Protein backbone atom coordinates (compact mmCIF):
# COMPACT_ATOMS: atom_id res chain seq x y z
CA LYS A 1 -16.58 16.17 6.99
CA VAL A 2 -15.51 13.37 9.00
CA PRO A 3 -12.09 14.63 10.51
CA VAL A 4 -10.08 11.98 12.16
CA ARG A 5 -6.74 13.96 12.05
CA ASP A 6 -4.70 11.74 14.27
CA GLY A 7 -6.33 8.40 11.87
CA VAL A 8 -4.30 6.46 9.53
CA LEU A 9 -6.13 6.20 6.16
CA CYS A 10 -5.90 3.12 4.89
CA VAL A 11 -6.39 2.92 1.10
CA GLY A 12 -6.21 0.61 -1.71
CA SER A 13 -7.11 -2.39 -3.67
CA SER A 14 -8.54 -5.89 -2.08
CA SER A 15 -5.46 -6.62 -0.31
CA MET A 16 -6.19 -3.60 1.83
CA ARG A 17 -9.78 -4.06 1.93
CA GLY A 18 -9.50 -7.57 3.02
CA TRP A 19 -6.89 -6.83 5.85
CA ALA A 20 -9.27 -8.45 8.37
CA GLY A 21 -7.95 -7.12 12.02
CA ILE A 22 -6.04 -4.37 10.35
CA GLU A 23 -7.53 -2.17 13.76
CA GLU A 24 -5.96 -4.81 16.35
CA ASP A 25 -2.57 -5.41 14.26
CA LEU A 26 -1.95 -1.56 13.79
CA ALA A 27 -3.48 -0.35 17.12
CA PRO A 28 -3.04 1.81 18.82
CA LEU A 29 -3.24 3.78 15.62
CA LYS A 30 -6.77 4.76 14.95
CA VAL A 31 -7.26 3.15 11.42
CA ILE A 32 -9.86 4.17 8.93
CA GLN A 33 -9.83 1.30 6.53
CA ARG A 34 -11.21 2.46 3.01
CA GLY A 35 -9.84 -0.08 0.60
CA PHE A 36 -12.12 -1.30 -2.39
CA GLY A 37 -11.77 -4.48 -4.19
CA GLY A 38 -10.09 -4.47 -7.79
CA SER A 39 -9.11 -0.73 -7.90
CA THR A 40 -5.98 0.99 -9.16
CA MET A 41 -3.97 3.72 -8.27
CA GLY A 42 -5.99 5.92 -10.95
CA GLN A 43 -9.41 4.96 -9.36
CA VAL A 44 -7.54 6.18 -5.81
CA LEU A 45 -6.74 9.38 -7.72
CA LEU A 46 -10.22 9.90 -9.12
CA PHE A 47 -11.48 9.36 -5.42
CA SER A 48 -9.15 11.70 -3.75
CA ASP A 49 -11.41 14.16 -2.67
CA PHE A 50 -13.57 11.46 -1.18
CA PHE A 51 -10.10 10.46 0.60
CA LEU A 52 -9.65 13.73 1.72
CA ARG A 53 -12.84 14.34 3.86
CA TYR A 54 -11.22 12.43 6.46
CA GLU A 55 -8.75 14.57 7.27
CA ALA A 56 -6.30 12.05 8.44
CA GLY A 57 -2.87 13.19 8.97
CA THR A 58 -1.06 9.62 7.71
CA ILE A 59 -2.19 7.74 4.60
CA LEU A 60 -1.16 4.37 4.13
CA VAL A 61 -1.61 3.26 0.30
CA TYR A 62 -1.38 -0.17 -1.15
CA GLU A 63 -2.01 -0.60 -5.15
CA GLY A 64 -0.33 -1.60 -7.92
CA ASP A 65 -1.21 -5.29 -8.55
CA ASN A 66 -4.37 -4.39 -10.85
CA ASP A 67 -2.31 -1.22 -12.28
CA LEU A 68 0.23 -3.64 -13.59
CA VAL A 69 -1.65 -6.69 -14.34
CA SER A 70 -1.30 -6.72 -17.85
CA ALA A 71 1.45 -7.08 -20.30
CA THR A 72 0.94 -3.60 -21.62
CA SER A 73 0.49 -1.87 -18.02
CA LYS A 74 3.54 0.39 -17.53
CA PRO A 75 5.04 1.04 -14.19
CA GLU A 76 5.83 4.69 -14.92
CA VAL A 77 1.97 5.42 -15.34
CA PHE A 78 1.39 3.79 -11.86
CA VAL A 79 3.93 5.98 -10.11
CA ASP A 80 2.46 8.93 -12.09
CA HIS A 81 -0.54 8.21 -10.53
CA CYS A 82 0.93 8.27 -7.18
CA LYS A 83 2.41 11.42 -7.81
CA ALA A 84 -0.62 13.17 -8.63
CA PHE A 85 -2.27 11.46 -5.80
CA CYS A 86 0.21 12.95 -3.40
CA ALA A 87 0.11 16.19 -5.35
CA ALA A 88 -3.75 16.51 -4.57
CA VAL A 89 -3.36 15.52 -0.82
CA PHE A 90 -0.66 17.81 -0.14
CA GLU A 91 -2.59 20.85 -2.13
CA LYS A 92 -5.42 20.24 0.91
CA ARG A 93 -2.94 19.55 3.46
CA SER A 94 0.56 20.02 3.14
CA ASP A 95 1.49 18.06 6.35
CA THR A 96 0.24 14.95 5.58
CA LYS A 97 2.59 11.62 5.75
CA ILE A 98 1.96 9.08 2.79
CA TYR A 99 3.23 6.01 3.20
CA PHE A 100 3.51 3.57 -0.29
CA MET A 101 3.61 -0.28 0.47
CA SER A 102 5.27 -1.90 -2.31
CA VAL A 103 3.58 -3.72 -4.90
CA LYS A 104 3.54 -7.35 -3.39
CA PRO A 105 4.92 -10.87 -5.04
CA SER A 106 1.89 -13.48 -5.51
CA ILE A 107 1.71 -16.75 -7.09
CA LYS A 108 -0.75 -15.85 -9.44
CA ARG A 109 1.05 -12.99 -10.89
CA TRP A 110 4.27 -14.46 -10.39
CA HIS A 111 5.05 -13.89 -14.31
CA ARG A 112 4.32 -9.69 -13.67
CA TRP A 113 6.87 -9.79 -10.89
CA PRO A 114 9.89 -7.98 -12.94
CA SER A 115 7.52 -5.19 -13.76
CA PHE A 116 6.35 -4.87 -10.02
CA CYS A 117 9.90 -4.46 -8.94
CA GLU A 118 10.18 -1.84 -11.85
CA ALA A 119 7.14 0.15 -10.10
CA ASN A 120 8.37 -0.42 -6.97
CA THR A 121 12.39 0.82 -7.55
CA MET A 122 10.47 3.83 -9.34
CA LEU A 123 8.17 4.76 -6.35
CA ARG A 124 10.90 4.05 -3.86
CA GLU A 125 12.91 6.58 -5.54
CA PHE A 126 10.00 9.01 -5.60
CA CYS A 127 9.36 8.92 -2.15
CA GLU A 128 12.99 9.36 -1.27
CA THR A 129 12.64 12.98 -2.61
CA ASP A 130 9.85 14.40 -0.17
CA SER A 131 10.10 13.73 3.61
CA ARG A 132 6.45 13.44 4.06
CA LEU A 133 6.83 10.18 2.00
CA ALA A 134 7.60 6.83 2.66
CA PHE A 135 8.15 3.57 1.11
CA ILE A 136 7.39 0.31 2.78
CA ASP A 137 8.70 -2.65 1.13
CA VAL A 138 6.25 -5.64 1.99
CA GLY A 139 7.38 -8.04 -0.68
CA LYS A 140 11.00 -9.04 0.82
CA GLY A 141 9.31 -10.61 3.69
CA MET A 142 6.97 -12.56 1.40
CA LEU A 143 9.69 -14.33 -0.48
CA GLY A 144 11.18 -17.57 0.44
CA GLU A 145 14.85 -18.54 0.38
CA ASP A 146 14.25 -19.74 -2.94
CA GLY A 147 13.25 -16.05 -4.06
CA LYS A 148 9.66 -17.03 -4.84
CA PRO A 149 6.35 -16.15 -3.28
CA LEU A 150 5.89 -17.86 0.23
CA PRO A 151 2.94 -20.87 -0.89
CA GLY A 152 1.43 -20.72 2.56
CA ILE A 153 0.44 -16.85 2.76
CA PHE A 154 -2.17 -17.12 0.07
CA THR A 155 -5.61 -18.25 -0.30
CA LYS A 156 -6.75 -20.71 -2.89
CA ASP A 157 -6.81 -17.76 -5.50
CA ASN A 158 -2.80 -17.58 -4.97
CA LEU A 159 -3.38 -13.78 -5.03
CA HIS A 160 -5.03 -12.86 -1.95
CA MET A 161 -3.40 -13.37 1.45
CA ASN A 162 -4.48 -15.44 4.24
CA ARG A 163 -4.05 -14.30 7.89
CA LYS A 164 -0.08 -15.45 7.89
CA GLY A 165 0.21 -13.06 4.96
CA TYR A 166 -1.21 -10.23 6.57
CA GLU A 167 0.92 -11.16 9.78
CA ILE A 168 3.79 -10.65 7.48
CA TRP A 169 1.99 -7.05 6.95
CA ARG A 170 1.33 -6.32 9.92
CA ASP A 171 4.79 -6.58 11.24
CA ILE A 172 6.63 -4.57 8.47
CA VAL A 173 3.94 -1.71 8.61
CA ARG A 174 3.96 -1.51 12.26
CA ALA A 175 7.74 -0.98 12.16
CA ALA A 176 7.29 1.80 9.73
CA LEU A 177 4.29 3.52 11.23
CA ILE A 178 5.24 2.84 14.78
CA PRO A 179 9.39 3.11 14.54
CA ALA A 180 10.28 3.37 18.21
CA GLU A 181 8.40 0.41 18.62
CA GLY A 182 10.23 -2.30 20.30
CA LYS A 183 13.70 -0.19 20.75
């Protein structure tokens, strides 16, 4: 076992894995970054025993855009996987706090944004059913006044974020994880 009870276990797809500087961005929290590229929430669920070995009291999850990339993807399946992950965590450690980040908008997957929004609504509603859960809407900060993704926050692939994108995430996620900061 690798107990880090006061740590924040960060799991998710390449957007989580690619968050260079997450340790500094979320300091003084103890960050355990375990994102893996191309992952889906279903895969996180499969690896839940691996993630639970850290015994972190807080888990930050970013998944969704890989789960919902195809036209046949169903938001309810994604959210069902989120629910199953929570059940697996709570079965072992009922006092864990789990923060789900919203599925982010991107230029490359803008055509899937309606599906992402549907999933985000369902995930937010699920999080409202349990005080151990929280929903963090990172999408609002990533959209311009025209309601479309800000072009200057992505790398050349128009999917993954550059440092400017992660600075948006940093500010929104810090406010959720460290709510007393700045008050």
